[in-house]
């Protein structure tokens, strides 16, 4: 779980109580997946969708994965021509 800025003390407390750990390197909170943790993430990640629907953590993550795939496909379809080395005589 990542946040755009440092979360409130209560949120940090909830994450720690659910045995999440902070990765200073990756700047994320992480833990092994268990139903109670997924439920906590769903609560923390809820927001109004484009048409006012709430999205679950799983739906948000699925959308991020899809966007990532689209970005990789776009990058993969772009060909960059590099200059070749010296030609042998």
PDB file of N, CA and C in Angstrom:
ATOM      1  N   UNK A   1       0.864  -1.160   0.000  1.00  0.00           N
ATOM      2  CA  UNK A   1       0.000   0.000   0.000  1.00  0.00           C
ATOM      3  C   UNK A   1       0.900   1.209   0.000  1.00  0.00           C
ATOM      4  N   UNK A   2       0.608   2.157  -0.865  1.00  0.00           N
ATOM      5  CA  UNK A   2       1.378   3.396  -0.875  1.00  0.00           C
ATOM      6  C   UNK A   2       0.422   4.566  -0.720  1.00  0.00           C
ATOM      7  N   UNK A   3       0.959   5.658  -0.257  1.00  0.00           N
ATOM      8  CA  UNK A   3       0.185   6.871  -0.040  1.00  0.00           C
ATOM      9  C   UNK A   3       0.901   8.026  -0.736  1.00  0.00           C
ATOM     10  N   UNK A   4       0.159   9.027  -1.200  1.00  0.00           N
ATOM     11  CA  UNK A   4       0.818  10.160  -1.857  1.00  0.00           C
ATOM     12  C   UNK A   4       1.667  10.987  -0.889  1.00  0.00           C
ATOM     13  N   UNK A   5       1.353  10.933   0.387  1.00  0.00           N
ATOM     14  CA  UNK A   5       2.140  11.607   1.418  1.00  0.00           C
ATOM     15  C   UNK A   5       2.048  10.754   2.684  1.00  0.00           C
ATOM     16  N   UNK A   6       2.740  11.173   3.723  1.00  0.00           N
ATOM     17  CA  UNK A   6       2.733  10.387   4.955  1.00  0.00           C
ATOM     18  C   UNK A   6       1.304  10.278   5.486  1.00  0.00           C
ATOM     19  N   UNK A   7       0.840   9.036   5.749  1.00  0.00           N
ATOM     20  CA  UNK A   7      -0.527   8.862   6.257  1.00  0.00           C
ATOM     21  C   UNK A   7      -0.657   9.363   7.698  1.00  0.00           C
ATOM     22  N   UNK A   8      -1.889   9.551   8.107  1.00  0.00           N
ATOM     23  CA  UNK A   8      -2.165   9.990   9.467  1.00  0.00           C
ATOM     24  C   UNK A   8      -1.694   8.940  10.462  1.00  0.00           C
ATOM     25  N   UNK A   9      -1.451   9.382  11.689  1.00  0.00           N
ATOM     26  CA  UNK A   9      -0.961   8.495  12.748  1.00  0.00           C
ATOM     27  C   UNK A   9      -1.910   7.313  12.946  1.00  0.00           C
ATOM     28  N   UNK A  10      -3.218   7.540  12.880  1.00  0.00           N
ATOM     29  CA  UNK A  10      -4.189   6.461  13.074  1.00  0.00           C
ATOM     30  C   UNK A  10      -4.050   5.397  11.988  1.00  0.00           C
ATOM     31  N   UNK A  11      -3.801   5.836  10.753  1.00  0.00           N
ATOM     32  CA  UNK A  11      -3.648   4.891   9.644  1.00  0.00           C
ATOM     33  C   UNK A  11      -2.379   4.068   9.848  1.00  0.00           C
ATOM     34  N   UNK A  12      -1.295   4.722  10.223  1.00  0.00           N
ATOM     35  CA  UNK A  12      -0.045   4.008  10.490  1.00  0.00           C
ATOM     36  C   UNK A  12      -0.261   2.991  11.613  1.00  0.00           C
ATOM     37  N   UNK A  13      -0.959   3.407  12.646  1.00  0.00           N
ATOM     38  CA  UNK A  13      -1.258   2.517  13.775  1.00  0.00           C
ATOM     39  C   UNK A  13      -2.048   1.291  13.292  1.00  0.00           C
ATOM     40  N   UNK A  14      -3.069   1.508  12.449  1.00  0.00           N
ATOM     41  CA  UNK A  14      -3.868   0.397  11.909  1.00  0.00           C
ATOM     42  C   UNK A  14      -3.007  -0.554  11.074  1.00  0.00           C
ATOM     43  N   UNK A  15      -2.137   0.008  10.244  1.00  0.00           N
ATOM     44  CA  UNK A  15      -1.261  -0.828   9.420  1.00  0.00           C
ATOM     45  C   UNK A  15      -0.326  -1.667  10.293  1.00  0.00           C
ATOM     46  N   UNK A  16       0.265  -1.032  11.293  1.00  0.00           N
ATOM     47  CA  UNK A  16       1.168  -1.770  12.188  1.00  0.00           C
ATOM     48  C   UNK A  16       0.419  -2.850  12.967  1.00  0.00           C
ATOM     49  N   UNK A  17      -0.796  -2.544  13.411  1.00  0.00           N
ATOM     50  CA  UNK A  17      -1.596  -3.542  14.139  1.00  0.00           C
ATOM     51  C   UNK A  17      -1.943  -4.739  13.260  1.00  0.00           C
ATOM     52  N   UNK A  18      -2.017  -4.529  11.953  1.00  0.00           N
ATOM     53  CA  UNK A  18      -2.306  -5.626  11.021  1.00  0.00           C
ATOM     54  C   UNK A  18      -1.009  -6.275  10.532  1.00  0.00           C
ATOM     55  N   UNK A  19       0.116  -5.963  11.184  1.00  0.00           N
ATOM     56  CA  UNK A  19       1.430  -6.554  10.892  1.00  0.00           C
ATOM     57  C   UNK A  19       2.006  -6.129   9.540  1.00  0.00           C
ATOM     58  N   UNK A  20       1.610  -4.956   9.047  1.00  0.00           N
ATOM     59  CA  UNK A  20       2.247  -4.406   7.858  1.00  0.00           C
ATOM     60  C   UNK A  20       3.601  -3.853   8.265  1.00  0.00           C
ATOM     61  N   UNK A  21       4.547  -3.894   7.337  1.00  0.00           N
ATOM     62  CA  UNK A  21       5.875  -3.344   7.567  1.00  0.00           C
ATOM     63  C   UNK A  21       6.135  -2.260   6.534  1.00  0.00           C
ATOM     64  N   UNK A  22       6.924  -1.268   6.910  1.00  0.00           N
ATOM     65  CA  UNK A  22       7.261  -0.156   6.027  1.00  0.00           C
ATOM     66  C   UNK A  22       8.572  -0.466   5.311  1.00  0.00           C
ATOM     67  N   UNK A  23       8.579  -0.321   4.005  1.00  0.00           N
ATOM     68  CA  UNK A  23       9.808  -0.440   3.234  1.00  0.00           C
ATOM     69  C   UNK A  23      10.263   0.961   2.873  1.00  0.00           C
ATOM     70  N   UNK A  24      11.300   1.437   3.541  1.00  0.00           N
ATOM     71  CA  UNK A  24      11.843   2.756   3.226  1.00  0.00           C
ATOM     72  C   UNK A  24      12.442   2.806   1.832  1.00  0.00           C
ATOM     73  N   UNK A  25      12.934   1.670   1.351  1.00  0.00           N
ATOM     74  CA  UNK A  25      13.520   1.584   0.020  1.00  0.00           C
ATOM     75  C   UNK A  25      12.452   1.746  -1.066  1.00  0.00           C
ATOM     76  N   UNK A  26      11.354   0.983  -0.944  1.00  0.00           N
ATOM     77  CA  UNK A  26      10.289   1.022  -1.947  1.00  0.00           C
ATOM     78  C   UNK A  26       9.213   2.062  -1.646  1.00  0.00           C
ATOM     79  N   UNK A  27       9.216   2.588  -0.411  1.00  0.00           N
ATOM     80  CA  UNK A  27       8.227   3.576   0.026  1.00  0.00           C
ATOM     81  C   UNK A  27       6.811   3.007  -0.012  1.00  0.00           C
ATOM     82  N   UNK A  28       6.683   1.759   0.481  1.00  0.00           N
ATOM     83  CA  UNK A  28       5.371   1.115   0.537  1.00  0.00           C
ATOM     84  C   UNK A  28       5.205   0.393   1.873  1.00  0.00           C
ATOM     85  N   UNK A  29       3.956   0.154   2.242  1.00  0.00           N
ATOM     86  CA  UNK A  29       3.616  -0.728   3.364  1.00  0.00           C
ATOM     87  C   UNK A  29       3.315  -2.082   2.755  1.00  0.00           C
ATOM     88  N   UNK A  30       3.846  -3.152   3.338  1.00  0.00           N
ATOM     89  CA  UNK A  30       3.633  -4.482   2.763  1.00  0.00           C
ATOM     90  C   UNK A  30       3.381  -5.521   3.861  1.00  0.00           C
ATOM     91  N   UNK A  31       2.722  -6.603   3.465  1.00  0.00           N
ATOM     92  CA  UNK A  31       2.459  -7.738   4.350  1.00  0.00           C
ATOM     93  C   UNK A  31       1.948  -8.885   3.492  1.00  0.00           C
ATOM     94  N   UNK A  32       2.048 -10.087   4.028  1.00  0.00           N
ATOM     95  CA  UNK A  32       1.492 -11.254   3.345  1.00  0.00           C
ATOM     96  C   UNK A  32      -0.025 -11.112   3.290  1.00  0.00           C
ATOM     97  N   UNK A  33      -0.610 -11.568   2.192  1.00  0.00           N
ATOM     98  CA  UNK A  33      -2.055 -11.389   2.008  1.00  0.00           C
ATOM     99  C   UNK A  33      -2.860 -12.347   2.892  1.00  0.00           C
ATOM    100  N   UNK A  34      -3.743 -11.743   3.677  1.00  0.00           N
ATOM    101  CA  UNK A  34      -4.733 -12.462   4.478  1.00  0.00           C
ATOM    102  C   UNK A  34      -6.040 -11.695   4.375  1.00  0.00           C
ATOM    103  N   UNK A  35      -7.186 -12.371   4.509  1.00  0.00           N
ATOM    104  CA  UNK A  35      -8.475 -11.683   4.352  1.00  0.00           C
ATOM    105  C   UNK A  35      -8.637 -10.427   5.220  1.00  0.00           C
ATOM    106  N   UNK A  36      -8.202 -10.473   6.473  1.00  0.00           N
ATOM    107  CA  UNK A  36      -8.378  -9.297   7.323  1.00  0.00           C
ATOM    108  C   UNK A  36      -7.514  -8.128   6.850  1.00  0.00           C
ATOM    109  N   UNK A  37      -6.366  -8.432   6.262  1.00  0.00           N
ATOM    110  CA  UNK A  37      -5.522  -7.359   5.722  1.00  0.00           C
ATOM    111  C   UNK A  37      -6.129  -6.773   4.455  1.00  0.00           C
ATOM    112  N   UNK A  38      -6.683  -7.641   3.621  1.00  0.00           N
ATOM    113  CA  UNK A  38      -7.339  -7.165   2.404  1.00  0.00           C
ATOM    114  C   UNK A  38      -8.506  -6.249   2.777  1.00  0.00           C
ATOM    115  N   UNK A  39      -9.255  -6.633   3.789  1.00  0.00           N
ATOM    116  CA  UNK A  39     -10.380  -5.808   4.239  1.00  0.00           C
ATOM    117  C   UNK A  39      -9.887  -4.447   4.727  1.00  0.00           C
ATOM    118  N   UNK A  40      -8.800  -4.431   5.479  1.00  0.00           N
ATOM    119  CA  UNK A  40      -8.235  -3.156   5.934  1.00  0.00           C
ATOM    120  C   UNK A  40      -7.823  -2.298   4.741  1.00  0.00           C
ATOM    121  N   UNK A  41      -7.165  -2.902   3.759  1.00  0.00           N
ATOM    122  CA  UNK A  41      -6.752  -2.151   2.571  1.00  0.00           C
ATOM    123  C   UNK A  41      -7.961  -1.640   1.800  1.00  0.00           C
ATOM    124  N   UNK A  42      -9.011  -2.446   1.730  1.00  0.00           N
ATOM    125  CA  UNK A  42     -10.237  -1.991   1.068  1.00  0.00           C
ATOM    126  C   UNK A  42     -10.795  -0.756   1.766  1.00  0.00           C
ATOM    127  N   UNK A  43     -10.764  -0.760   3.081  1.00  0.00           N
ATOM    128  CA  UNK A  43     -11.265   0.392   3.841  1.00  0.00           C
ATOM    129  C   UNK A  43     -10.396   1.611   3.576  1.00  0.00           C
ATOM    130  N   UNK A  44      -9.076   1.425   3.601  1.00  0.00           N
ATOM    131  CA  UNK A  44      -8.158   2.548   3.400  1.00  0.00           C
ATOM    132  C   UNK A  44      -8.172   3.073   1.965  1.00  0.00           C
ATOM    133  N   UNK A  45      -8.423   2.190   1.013  1.00  0.00           N
ATOM    134  CA  UNK A  45      -8.305   2.579  -0.393  1.00  0.00           C
ATOM    135  C   UNK A  45      -9.614   2.997  -1.049  1.00  0.00           C
ATOM    136  N   UNK A  46     -10.720   2.946  -0.329  1.00  0.00           N
ATOM    137  CA  UNK A  46     -12.006   3.296  -0.960  1.00  0.00           C
ATOM    138  C   UNK A  46     -12.010   4.738  -1.425  1.00  0.00           C
ATOM    139  N   UNK A  47     -12.593   4.915  -2.576  1.00  0.00           N
ATOM    140  CA  UNK A  47     -12.786   6.261  -3.098  1.00  0.00           C
ATOM    141  C   UNK A  47     -13.917   6.205  -4.093  1.00  0.00           C
ATOM    142  N   UNK A  48     -14.444   7.357  -4.429  1.00  0.00           N
ATOM    143  CA  UNK A  48     -15.528   7.401  -5.407  1.00  0.00           C
ATOM    144  C   UNK A  48     -14.973   7.197  -6.802  1.00  0.00           C
ATOM    145  N   UNK A  49     -15.518   6.245  -7.524  1.00  0.00           N
ATOM    146  CA  UNK A  49     -15.100   6.013  -8.905  1.00  0.00           C
ATOM    147  C   UNK A  49     -15.633   7.102  -9.816  1.00  0.00           C
ATOM    148  N   UNK A  50     -15.396   6.945 -11.098  1.00  0.00           N
ATOM    149  CA  UNK A  50     -15.804   7.965 -12.059  1.00  0.00           C
ATOM    150  C   UNK A  50     -17.308   8.209 -12.036  1.00  0.00           C
ATOM    151  N   UNK A  51     -18.069   7.165 -11.743  1.00  0.00           N
ATOM    152  CA  UNK A  51     -19.519   7.342 -11.716  1.00  0.00           C
ATOM    153  C   UNK A  51     -20.043   7.257 -10.290  1.00  0.00           C
ATOM    154  N   UNK A  52     -19.165   7.512  -9.318  1.00  0.00           N
ATOM    155  CA  UNK A  52     -19.580   7.518  -7.931  1.00  0.00           C
ATOM    156  C   UNK A  52     -19.602   6.161  -7.268  1.00  0.00           C
ATOM    157  N   UNK A  53     -19.067   5.134  -7.930  1.00  0.00           N
ATOM    158  CA  UNK A  53     -19.029   3.807  -7.324  1.00  0.00           C
ATOM    159  C   UNK A  53     -17.769   3.688  -6.473  1.00  0.00           C
ATOM    160  N   UNK A  54     -17.884   2.980  -5.383  1.00  0.00           N
ATOM    161  CA  UNK A  54     -16.688   2.706  -4.596  1.00  0.00           C
ATOM    162  C   UNK A  54     -15.966   1.543  -5.244  1.00  0.00           C
ATOM    163  N   UNK A  55     -14.649   1.604  -5.225  1.00  0.00           N
ATOM    164  CA  UNK A  55     -13.843   0.521  -5.778  1.00  0.00           C
ATOM    165  C   UNK A  55     -13.071  -0.138  -4.661  1.00  0.00           C
ATOM    166  N   UNK A  56     -12.955  -1.450  -4.747  1.00  0.00           N
ATOM    167  CA  UNK A  56     -12.200  -2.196  -3.744  1.00  0.00           C
ATOM    168  C   UNK A  56     -10.714  -2.068  -4.039  1.00  0.00           C
ATOM    169  N   UNK A  57      -9.901  -2.432  -3.062  1.00  0.00           N
ATOM    170  CA  UNK A  57      -8.451  -2.421  -3.245  1.00  0.00           C
ATOM    171  C   UNK A  57      -8.064  -3.290  -4.433  1.00  0.00           C
ATOM    172  N   UNK A  58      -8.674  -4.461  -4.549  1.00  0.00           N
ATOM    173  CA  UNK A  58      -8.368  -5.377  -5.655  1.00  0.00           C
ATOM    174  C   UNK A  58      -8.683  -4.725  -7.001  1.00  0.00           C
ATOM    175  N   UNK A  59      -9.790  -4.013  -7.104  1.00  0.00           N
ATOM    176  CA  UNK A  59     -10.147  -3.339  -8.355  1.00  0.00           C
ATOM    177  C   UNK A  59      -9.160  -2.227  -8.687  1.00  0.00           C
ATOM    178  N   UNK A  60      -8.739  -1.498  -7.660  1.00  0.00           N
ATOM    179  CA  UNK A  60      -7.768  -0.425  -7.873  1.00  0.00           C
ATOM    180  C   UNK A  60      -6.448  -1.014  -8.354  1.00  0.00           C
ATOM    181  N   UNK A  61      -5.998  -2.084  -7.710  1.00  0.00           N
ATOM    182  CA  UNK A  61      -4.734  -2.708  -8.098  1.00  0.00           C
ATOM    183  C   UNK A  61      -4.833  -3.309  -9.498  1.00  0.00           C
ATOM    184  N   UNK A  62      -5.961  -3.897  -9.836  1.00  0.00           N
ATOM    185  CA  UNK A  62      -6.142  -4.457 -11.173  1.00  0.00           C
ATOM    186  C   UNK A  62      -6.051  -3.360 -12.226  1.00  0.00           C
ATOM    187  N   UNK A  63      -6.643  -2.215 -11.949  1.00  0.00           N
ATOM    188  CA  UNK A  63      -6.575  -1.094 -12.883  1.00  0.00           C
ATOM    189  C   UNK A  63      -5.132  -0.613 -13.040  1.00  0.00           C
ATOM    190  N   UNK A  64      -4.372  -0.587 -11.937  1.00  0.00           N
ATOM    191  CA  UNK A  64      -2.968  -0.176 -12.018  1.00  0.00           C
ATOM    192  C   UNK A  64      -2.163  -1.156 -12.862  1.00  0.00           C
ATOM    193  N   UNK A  65      -2.427  -2.453 -12.691  1.00  0.00           N
ATOM    194  CA  UNK A  65      -1.723  -3.468 -13.471  1.00  0.00           C
ATOM    195  C   UNK A  65      -2.046  -3.299 -14.950  1.00  0.00           C
ATOM    196  N   UNK A  66      -3.296  -3.075 -15.270  1.00  0.00           N
ATOM    197  CA  UNK A  66      -3.701  -2.886 -16.670  1.00  0.00           C
ATOM    198  C   UNK A  66      -3.032  -1.657 -17.275  1.00  0.00           C
ATOM    199  N   UNK A  67      -3.008  -0.552 -16.506  1.00  0.00           N
ATOM    200  CA  UNK A  67      -2.334   0.662 -16.997  1.00  0.00           C
ATOM    201  C   UNK A  67      -0.853   0.391 -17.238  1.00  0.00           C
ATOM    202  N   UNK A  68      -0.234  -0.362 -16.343  1.00  0.00           N
ATOM    203  CA  UNK A  68       1.177  -0.700 -16.479  1.00  0.00           C
ATOM    204  C   UNK A  68       1.420  -1.524 -17.744  1.00  0.00           C
ATOM    205  N   UNK A  69       0.529  -2.505 -17.997  1.00  0.00           N
ATOM    206  CA  UNK A  69       0.650  -3.318 -19.212  1.00  0.00           C
ATOM    207  C   UNK A  69       0.522  -2.444 -20.451  1.00  0.00           C
ATOM    208  N   UNK A  70      -0.458  -1.529 -20.430  1.00  0.00           N
ATOM    209  CA  UNK A  70      -0.650  -0.631 -21.574  1.00  0.00           C
ATOM    210  C   UNK A  70       0.589   0.227 -21.815  1.00  0.00           C
ATOM    211  N   UNK A  71       1.182   0.728 -20.726  1.00  0.00           N
ATOM    212  CA  UNK A  71       2.378   1.556 -20.859  1.00  0.00           C
ATOM    213  C   UNK A  71       3.542   0.740 -21.416  1.00  0.00           C
ATOM    214  N   UNK A  72       3.709  -0.507 -20.926  1.00  0.00           N
ATOM    215  CA  UNK A  72       4.785  -1.359 -21.436  1.00  0.00           C
ATOM    216  C   UNK A  72       4.569  -1.689 -22.903  1.00  0.00           C
ATOM    217  N   UNK A  73       3.325  -1.934 -23.292  1.00  0.00           N
ATOM    218  CA  UNK A  73       3.033  -2.227 -24.696  1.00  0.00           C
ATOM    219  C   UNK A  73       3.344  -1.022 -25.568  1.00  0.00           C
ATOM    220  N   UNK A  74       3.011   0.162 -25.075  1.00  0.00           N
ATOM    221  CA  UNK A  74       3.297   1.377 -25.839  1.00  0.00           C
ATOM    222  C   UNK A  74       4.799   1.576 -25.993  1.00  0.00           C
ATOM    223  N   UNK A  75       5.540   1.316 -24.935  1.00  0.00           N
ATOM    224  CA  UNK A  75       6.998   1.449 -24.995  1.00  0.00           C
ATOM    225  C   UNK A  75       7.581   0.378 -25.900  1.00  0.00           C
ATOM    226  N   UNK A  76       7.058  -0.843 -25.803  1.00  0.00           N
ATOM    227  CA  UNK A  76       7.561  -1.953 -26.610  1.00  0.00           C
ATOM    228  C   UNK A  76       7.319  -1.760 -28.092  1.00  0.00           C
ATOM    229  N   UNK A  77       6.283  -1.015 -28.453  1.00  0.00           N
ATOM    230  CA  UNK A  77       5.987  -0.808 -29.864  1.00  0.00           C
ATOM    231  C   UNK A  77       6.782   0.349 -30.459  1.00  0.00           C
ATOM    232  N   UNK A  78       7.481   1.099 -29.623  1.00  0.00           N
ATOM    233  CA  UNK A  78       8.306   2.197 -30.101  1.00  0.00           C
ATOM    234  C   UNK A  78       9.703   1.663 -30.356  1.00  0.00           C
ATOM    235  N   UNK A  79      10.162   1.817 -31.575  1.00  0.00           N
ATOM    236  CA  UNK A  79      11.490   1.324 -31.918  1.00  0.00           C
ATOM    237  C   UNK A  79      12.455   2.502 -31.962  1.00  0.00           C
ATOM    238  N   UNK A  80      13.597   2.306 -31.358  1.00  0.00           N
ATOM    239  CA  UNK A  80      14.625   3.333 -31.347  1.00  0.00           C
ATOM    240  C   UNK A  80      15.779   2.834 -32.189  1.00  0.00           C
ATOM    241  N   UNK A  81      16.166   3.625 -33.157  1.00  0.00           N
ATOM    242  CA  UNK A  81      17.274   3.250 -34.020  1.00  0.00           C
ATOM    243  C   UNK A  81      18.567   3.793 -33.416  1.00  0.00           C
ATOM    244  N   UNK A  82      19.469   2.895 -33.089  1.00  0.00           N
ATOM    245  CA  UNK A  82      20.764   3.283 -32.551  1.00  0.00           C
ATOM    246  C   UNK A  82      21.793   3.234 -33.664  1.00  0.00           C
ATOM    247  N   UNK A  83      22.747   4.136 -33.595  1.00  0.00           N
ATOM    248  CA  UNK A  83      23.780   4.101 -34.646  1.00  0.00           C
ATOM    249  C   UNK A  83      24.573   2.815 -34.527  1.00  0.00           C
ATOM    250  N   UNK A  84      24.928   2.263 -35.670  1.00  0.00           N
ATOM    251  CA  UNK A  84      25.733   1.029 -35.668  1.00  0.00           C
ATOM    252  C   UNK A  84      27.186   1.377 -35.431  1.00  0.00           C
ATOM    253  N   UNK A  85      27.933   0.404 -35.016  1.00  0.00           N
ATOM    254  CA  UNK A  85      29.362   0.619 -34.748  1.00  0.00           C
ATOM    255  C   UNK A  85      30.133   0.823 -36.044  1.00  0.00           C
ATOM    256  N   UNK A  86      31.428   0.994 -35.897  1.00  0.00           N
ATOM    257  CA  UNK A  86      32.252   1.194 -37.111  1.00  0.00           C
ATOM    258  C   UNK A  86      32.164  -0.013 -38.033  1.00  0.00           C
ATOM    259  N   UNK A  87      32.110   0.259 -39.312  1.00  0.00           N
ATOM    260  CA  UNK A  87      31.999  -0.824 -40.282  1.00  0.00           C
ATOM    261  C   UNK A  87      33.373  -1.387 -40.577  1.00  0.00           C
ATOM    262  N   UNK A  88      33.416  -2.704 -40.646  1.00  0.00           N
ATOM    263  CA  UNK A  88      34.691  -3.363 -40.947  1.00  0.00           C
ATOM    264  C   UNK A  88      34.987  -3.209 -42.426  1.00  0.00           C
ATOM    265  N   UNK A  89      36.246  -2.956 -42.753  1.00  0.00           N
ATOM    266  CA  UNK A  89      36.626  -2.739 -44.154  1.00  0.00           C
ATOM    267  C   UNK A  89      37.010  -4.028 -44.829  1.00  0.00           C
TER     268      UNK A  89
END
